[in-house]
Protein backbone atom coordinates (compact mmCIF):
# COMPACT_ATOMS: atom_id res chain seq x y z
CA MET A 1 107.16 133.00 119.38
CA LYS A 2 110.87 132.70 118.58
CA THR A 3 111.27 130.04 121.26
CA THR A 4 108.50 127.92 119.74
CA LYS A 5 110.04 128.17 116.27
CA ARG A 6 113.40 127.17 117.69
CA TYR A 7 111.91 124.09 119.37
CA VAL A 8 110.11 123.07 116.19
CA PHE A 9 113.25 123.53 114.11
CA CYS A 10 115.31 121.45 116.56
CA ALA A 11 112.68 118.71 116.58
CA VAL A 12 112.69 118.56 112.78
CA VAL A 13 116.48 118.40 112.62
CA ILE A 14 116.69 115.68 115.26
CA SER A 15 113.97 113.57 113.62
CA THR A 16 115.69 113.94 110.24
CA PHE A 17 118.99 112.69 111.63
CA LEU A 18 117.29 109.78 113.40
CA GLY A 19 115.47 108.86 110.21
CA LEU A 20 118.68 108.89 108.20
CA ALA A 21 120.47 106.81 110.82
CA GLY A 22 117.76 104.17 110.48
CA CYS A 23 118.64 103.77 106.79
CA SER A 24 122.32 103.00 107.36
CA GLY A 25 121.89 99.22 107.41
CA MET A 26 119.71 99.02 104.31
CA THR A 27 120.81 97.48 101.04
CA GLN A 28 120.87 99.61 97.91
CA GLN A 29 117.68 97.96 96.67
CA GLU A 30 115.88 98.75 99.95
CA LYS A 31 117.05 102.36 99.73
CA ASN A 32 115.80 102.62 96.15
CA THR A 33 112.43 101.21 97.22
CA ALA A 34 112.11 103.75 100.04
CA ILE A 35 113.15 106.65 97.81
CA GLY A 36 110.77 105.52 95.08
CA ALA A 37 107.90 105.28 97.55
CA GLY A 38 108.61 108.76 98.90
CA VAL A 39 108.87 110.36 95.49
CA GLY A 40 105.79 108.47 94.30
CA ALA A 41 103.78 109.62 97.31
CA VAL A 42 104.68 113.25 96.70
CA GLY A 43 103.96 112.94 92.98
CA GLY A 44 100.65 111.17 93.57
CA SER A 45 99.62 113.79 96.08
CA ILE A 46 100.45 116.63 93.71
CA LEU A 47 98.73 115.06 90.72
CA THR A 48 95.51 114.28 92.62
CA GLY A 49 95.27 117.49 94.62
CA GLY A 50 96.21 115.87 97.91
CA SER A 51 93.80 112.92 97.86
CA THR A 52 94.67 110.04 100.14
CA ALA A 53 94.10 107.44 97.43
CA GLY A 54 96.40 109.28 95.03
CA THR A 55 99.12 109.57 97.65
CA LEU A 56 98.96 105.89 98.58
CA GLY A 57 98.75 104.81 94.95
CA GLY A 58 101.75 106.95 94.05
CA ALA A 59 103.71 105.52 96.96
CA ALA A 60 102.91 101.97 95.91
CA ILE A 61 103.81 102.53 92.28
CA GLY A 62 106.97 104.46 93.18
CA GLY A 63 108.04 101.74 95.60
CA VAL A 64 107.66 99.06 92.94
CA ILE A 65 109.59 101.12 90.40
CA GLY A 66 112.32 101.88 92.94
CA HIS A 67 112.57 98.19 93.84
CA GLU A 68 113.02 97.18 90.21
CA VAL A 69 115.61 99.83 89.26
CA ASP A 70 118.79 97.79 89.84
CA LYS A 71 117.50 94.44 88.54
């Protein structure tokens, strides 16, 4: 059981670092869009009780808001 948890933890850490490395070449506006979409997806999911439509709608709205922040 401890070995499985260790493998899962290592996989999460590695995927997090790879995901962050993929964002290194992004402009500030692209980063804001991605952050806005992520926050919007979480917010939409929470507000709608985990519905797929709410999550996707929140991601879309959050992405648009994040994109327009620096303009």
